[in-house]
Amino acid sequence: MTCQHLKEAGEPTPQAPYEGGCPECVADGHHDWVHLRLCLDCGYVACCDSSPRRHMSAHYATDGHPVMRSYEPGENWKWCFVDDLLGA
């Protein structure tokens, strides 16, 4: 099963490199982020829900961008926040 958000998700240029870590965490002096995610609407890079500050979920809550994907090397899965669905 998939949703329209996953079908229509683009592949924007990331706003930050993988090597830098979660930009918000690093800017605040935190280095305990776990995995990075990429917003497929605007290219925002942020930490996942396994990280203490959950910046990607916060980005969805404030900006409403529905789909993100893993920004980890070798991973290409996507997640739709609106429909709570995993996609490839």
Protein backbone atom coordinates (compact mmCIF):
# COMPACT_ATOMS: atom_id res chain seq x y z
CA MET A 1 0.00 0.00 0.00
CA THR A 2 1.20 3.51 -0.75
CA CYS A 3 -0.21 7.02 -0.62
CA GLN A 4 -0.31 10.03 -2.90
CA HIS A 5 2.33 11.82 -0.79
CA LEU A 6 4.84 9.01 -1.32
CA LYS A 7 4.01 8.82 -5.03
CA GLU A 8 4.54 12.56 -5.51
CA ALA A 9 7.63 12.96 -3.30
CA GLY A 10 10.53 14.63 -5.04
CA GLU A 11 14.26 14.40 -4.42
CA PRO A 12 15.50 17.88 -3.49
CA THR A 13 19.12 18.86 -2.99
CA PRO A 14 19.97 18.39 0.69
CA GLN A 15 20.52 21.61 2.64
CA ALA A 16 23.34 20.00 4.67
CA PRO A 17 25.92 17.27 4.11
CA TYR A 18 25.67 13.89 5.84
CA GLU A 19 29.10 14.25 7.41
CA GLY A 20 28.07 17.28 9.45
CA GLY A 21 25.45 15.50 11.53
CA CYS A 22 22.10 17.01 12.46
CA PRO A 23 22.58 20.73 11.77
CA GLU A 24 20.28 21.84 14.60
CA CYS A 25 21.86 19.48 17.14
CA VAL A 26 25.38 20.49 16.15
CA ALA A 27 24.49 24.21 16.23
CA ASP A 28 23.24 23.77 19.80
CA GLY A 29 26.34 21.82 20.86
CA HIS A 30 24.69 18.39 20.89
CA HIS A 31 26.35 15.35 19.36
CA ASP A 32 23.91 12.66 20.47
CA TRP A 33 21.81 12.54 17.30
CA VAL A 34 21.27 9.01 15.99
CA HIS A 35 20.28 8.97 12.29
CA LEU A 36 19.63 11.67 9.73
CA ARG A 37 16.54 12.19 7.60
CA LEU A 38 15.93 14.31 4.48
CA CYS A 39 12.71 16.24 3.88
CA LEU A 40 11.60 15.44 0.33
CA ASP A 41 9.77 18.74 0.03
CA CYS A 42 12.51 21.24 0.87
CA GLY A 43 15.77 19.31 1.43
CA TYR A 44 15.92 20.01 5.17
CA VAL A 45 18.27 17.59 6.97
CA ALA A 46 17.50 16.64 10.57
CA CYS A 47 17.73 13.88 13.15
CA CYS A 48 15.28 10.99 13.48
CA ASP A 49 12.80 10.07 16.21
CA SER A 50 15.41 7.83 17.88
CA SER A 51 17.38 11.01 18.56
CA PRO A 52 16.63 13.00 21.72
CA ARG A 53 15.43 16.16 19.94
CA ARG A 54 13.57 14.55 16.99
CA HIS A 55 14.17 17.48 14.66
CA MET A 56 12.62 15.88 11.55
CA SER A 57 9.31 15.25 13.31
CA ALA A 58 9.45 18.83 14.62
CA HIS A 59 10.02 20.02 11.04
CA TYR A 60 6.90 18.15 9.92
CA ALA A 61 4.90 19.59 12.84
CA THR A 62 5.87 23.18 12.01
CA ASP A 63 6.16 23.07 8.20
CA GLY A 64 3.74 20.27 7.27
CA HIS A 65 6.05 18.68 4.71
CA PRO A 66 4.61 15.16 4.49
CA VAL A 67 7.45 12.89 3.30
CA MET A 68 11.01 12.31 4.43
CA ARG A 69 13.55 9.64 3.60
CA SER A 70 16.50 8.14 5.35
CA TYR A 71 19.66 10.16 4.77
CA GLU A 72 21.87 7.30 5.89
CA PRO A 73 24.32 5.71 3.43
CA GLY A 74 22.83 2.66 1.72
CA GLU A 75 19.24 3.37 2.85
CA ASN A 76 16.51 4.64 0.52
CA TRP A 77 13.22 4.11 2.37
CA LYS A 78 10.68 6.93 2.74
CA TRP A 79 8.12 7.77 5.41
CA CYS A 80 4.84 9.66 5.03
CA PHE A 81 3.97 11.48 8.26
CA VAL A 82 0.40 12.19 7.12
CA ASP A 83 -0.58 8.61 6.35
CA ASP A 84 1.89 6.82 8.69
CA LEU A 85 3.17 4.75 5.76
CA LEU A 86 6.58 3.41 4.81
CA GLY A 87 7.55 3.50 1.15
CA ALA A 88 10.52 2.73 -1.04
